[in-house]
Amino acid sequence: MTTLLIALQTVAGIAWGYAGAAIGAGLSAIGAGIGIGKIGQGAMEGMARQPEAGGDIRTTMIIAAALVEGVAFFAVVICLLIAIKS
């Protein structure tokens, strides 16, 4: 199997490292989008049920969204580093 992959890479000129990095970056962006969407959904439901706690919920939502975005950015940077090394 490994020799087949090496042959494919040599013959077809496929850069597997670039493909893996692109897939990883895409998956991390999709995951971050889904995560931030879920955070927003929960915050909106919480504010609808308890409007007087809206400020605290909004603050917590922004902090959680920033943490998710930071993890996604870190994943994209790692994927780019993998692409550079390939």
C-alpha atoms as a PDB file:
ATOM      1  CA  MET A   1       0.000   0.000   0.000  1.00  0.00           C
ATOM      2  CA  THR A   2       2.805   2.387   0.866  1.00  0.00           C
ATOM      3  CA  THR A   3       4.582   1.716  -2.409  1.00  0.00           C
ATOM      4  CA  LEU A   4       1.324   2.387  -4.239  1.00  0.00           C
ATOM      5  CA  LEU A   5       1.020   5.778  -2.536  1.00  0.00           C
ATOM      6  CA  ILE A   6       4.633   6.610  -3.327  1.00  0.00           C
ATOM      7  CA  ALA A   7       4.073   5.597  -6.938  1.00  0.00           C
ATOM      8  CA  LEU A   8       0.926   7.709  -7.152  1.00  0.00           C
ATOM      9  CA  GLN A   9       2.737  10.661  -5.659  1.00  0.00           C
ATOM     10  CA  THR A  10       5.624  10.277  -8.051  1.00  0.00           C
ATOM     11  CA  VAL A  11       3.568   9.634 -11.194  1.00  0.00           C
ATOM     12  CA  ALA A  12       0.625  11.940 -10.632  1.00  0.00           C
ATOM     13  CA  GLY A  13       2.581  14.632  -8.809  1.00  0.00           C
ATOM     14  CA  ILE A  14       0.089  14.632  -5.947  1.00  0.00           C
ATOM     15  CA  ALA A  15       1.327  16.429  -2.863  1.00  0.00           C
ATOM     16  CA  TRP A  16      -0.303  14.492  -0.046  1.00  0.00           C
ATOM     17  CA  GLY A  17       0.949  16.911   2.581  1.00  0.00           C
ATOM     18  CA  TYR A  18      -0.790  19.826   0.887  1.00  0.00           C
ATOM     19  CA  ALA A  19      -4.003  17.834   0.517  1.00  0.00           C
ATOM     20  CA  GLY A  20      -3.938  16.815   4.182  1.00  0.00           C
ATOM     21  CA  ALA A  21      -3.244  20.363   5.298  1.00  0.00           C
ATOM     22  CA  ALA A  22      -6.105  21.694   3.186  1.00  0.00           C
ATOM     23  CA  ILE A  23      -8.519  19.102   4.540  1.00  0.00           C
ATOM     24  CA  GLY A  24      -7.405  19.793   8.119  1.00  0.00           C
ATOM     25  CA  ALA A  25      -7.783  23.549   7.719  1.00  0.00           C
ATOM     26  CA  GLY A  26     -11.225  23.116   6.188  1.00  0.00           C
ATOM     27  CA  LEU A  27     -12.402  20.781   8.931  1.00  0.00           C
ATOM     28  CA  SER A  28     -11.165  23.118  11.644  1.00  0.00           C
ATOM     29  CA  ALA A  29     -13.014  26.046  10.040  1.00  0.00           C
ATOM     30  CA  ILE A  30     -16.203  24.001   9.737  1.00  0.00           C
ATOM     31  CA  GLY A  31     -15.868  22.821  13.343  1.00  0.00           C
ATOM     32  CA  ALA A  32     -15.377  26.367  14.591  1.00  0.00           C
ATOM     33  CA  GLY A  33     -18.410  27.548  12.650  1.00  0.00           C
ATOM     34  CA  ILE A  34     -20.581  24.808  14.106  1.00  0.00           C
ATOM     35  CA  GLY A  35     -19.234  25.452  17.612  1.00  0.00           C
ATOM     36  CA  ILE A  36     -19.834  29.189  17.496  1.00  0.00           C
ATOM     37  CA  GLY A  37     -23.297  28.576  16.065  1.00  0.00           C
ATOM     38  CA  LYS A  38     -24.137  26.285  18.973  1.00  0.00           C
ATOM     39  CA  ILE A  39     -22.812  28.868  21.433  1.00  0.00           C
ATOM     40  CA  GLY A  40     -24.980  31.555  19.854  1.00  0.00           C
ATOM     41  CA  GLN A  41     -28.016  29.281  19.823  1.00  0.00           C
ATOM     42  CA  GLY A  42     -27.635  28.489  23.506  1.00  0.00           C
ATOM     43  CA  ALA A  43     -27.117  32.130  24.400  1.00  0.00           C
ATOM     44  CA  MET A  44     -30.192  33.258  22.483  1.00  0.00           C
ATOM     45  CA  GLU A  45     -32.321  30.577  24.111  1.00  0.00           C
ATOM     46  CA  GLY A  46     -30.980  31.533  27.536  1.00  0.00           C
ATOM     47  CA  MET A  47     -31.690  35.234  26.976  1.00  0.00           C
ATOM     48  CA  ALA A  48     -35.177  34.437  25.731  1.00  0.00           C
ATOM     49  CA  ARG A  49     -35.938  32.409  28.852  1.00  0.00           C
ATOM     50  CA  GLN A  50     -34.339  34.830  31.291  1.00  0.00           C
ATOM     51  CA  PRO A  51     -34.020  38.342  29.820  1.00  0.00           C
ATOM     52  CA  GLU A  52     -32.637  39.904  33.003  1.00  0.00           C
ATOM     53  CA  ALA A  53     -29.505  37.716  32.723  1.00  0.00           C
ATOM     54  CA  GLY A  54     -28.868  38.831  29.132  1.00  0.00           C
ATOM     55  CA  GLY A  55     -25.739  40.828  29.904  1.00  0.00           C
ATOM     56  CA  ASP A  56     -24.021  37.996  31.756  1.00  0.00           C
ATOM     57  CA  ILE A  57     -25.021  35.474  29.101  1.00  0.00           C
ATOM     58  CA  ARG A  58     -23.740  37.736  26.312  1.00  0.00           C
ATOM     59  CA  THR A  59     -20.390  38.219  28.058  1.00  0.00           C
ATOM     60  CA  THR A  60     -19.985  34.482  28.575  1.00  0.00           C
ATOM     61  CA  MET A  61     -20.979  33.830  24.960  1.00  0.00           C
ATOM     62  CA  ILE A  62     -18.356  36.245  23.609  1.00  0.00           C
ATOM     63  CA  ILE A  63     -15.613  34.721  25.770  1.00  0.00           C
ATOM     64  CA  ALA A  64     -16.536  31.173  24.717  1.00  0.00           C
ATOM     65  CA  ALA A  65     -16.718  32.171  21.038  1.00  0.00           C
ATOM     66  CA  ALA A  66     -13.286  33.794  21.272  1.00  0.00           C
ATOM     67  CA  LEU A  67     -11.821  30.626  22.780  1.00  0.00           C
ATOM     68  CA  VAL A  68     -13.331  28.474  20.021  1.00  0.00           C
ATOM     69  CA  GLU A  69     -12.011  30.874  17.390  1.00  0.00           C
ATOM     70  CA  GLY A  70      -8.557  30.750  18.977  1.00  0.00           C
ATOM     71  CA  VAL A  71      -8.472  26.967  18.817  1.00  0.00           C
ATOM     72  CA  ALA A  72      -9.584  27.052  15.174  1.00  0.00           C
ATOM     73  CA  PHE A  73      -6.895  29.600  14.336  1.00  0.00           C
ATOM     74  CA  PHE A  74      -4.295  27.415  16.037  1.00  0.00           C
ATOM     75  CA  ALA A  75      -5.453  24.411  13.996  1.00  0.00           C
ATOM     76  CA  VAL A  76      -5.210  26.362  10.735  1.00  0.00           C
ATOM     77  CA  VAL A  77      -1.701  27.531  11.621  1.00  0.00           C
ATOM     78  CA  ILE A  78      -0.645  23.937  12.350  1.00  0.00           C
ATOM     79  CA  CYS A  79      -2.089  22.846   8.994  1.00  0.00           C
ATOM     80  CA  LEU A  80      -0.162  25.604   7.230  1.00  0.00           C
ATOM     81  CA  LEU A  81       3.033  24.526   8.962  1.00  0.00           C
ATOM     82  CA  ILE A  82       2.423  20.973   7.781  1.00  0.00           C
ATOM     83  CA  ALA A  83       1.929  22.271   4.258  1.00  0.00           C
ATOM     84  CA  ILE A  84       5.210  24.162   4.422  1.00  0.00           C
ATOM     85  CA  LYS A  85       7.076  21.082   5.626  1.00  0.00           C
ATOM     86  CA  SER A  86       5.627  18.905   2.814  1.00  0.00           C
END
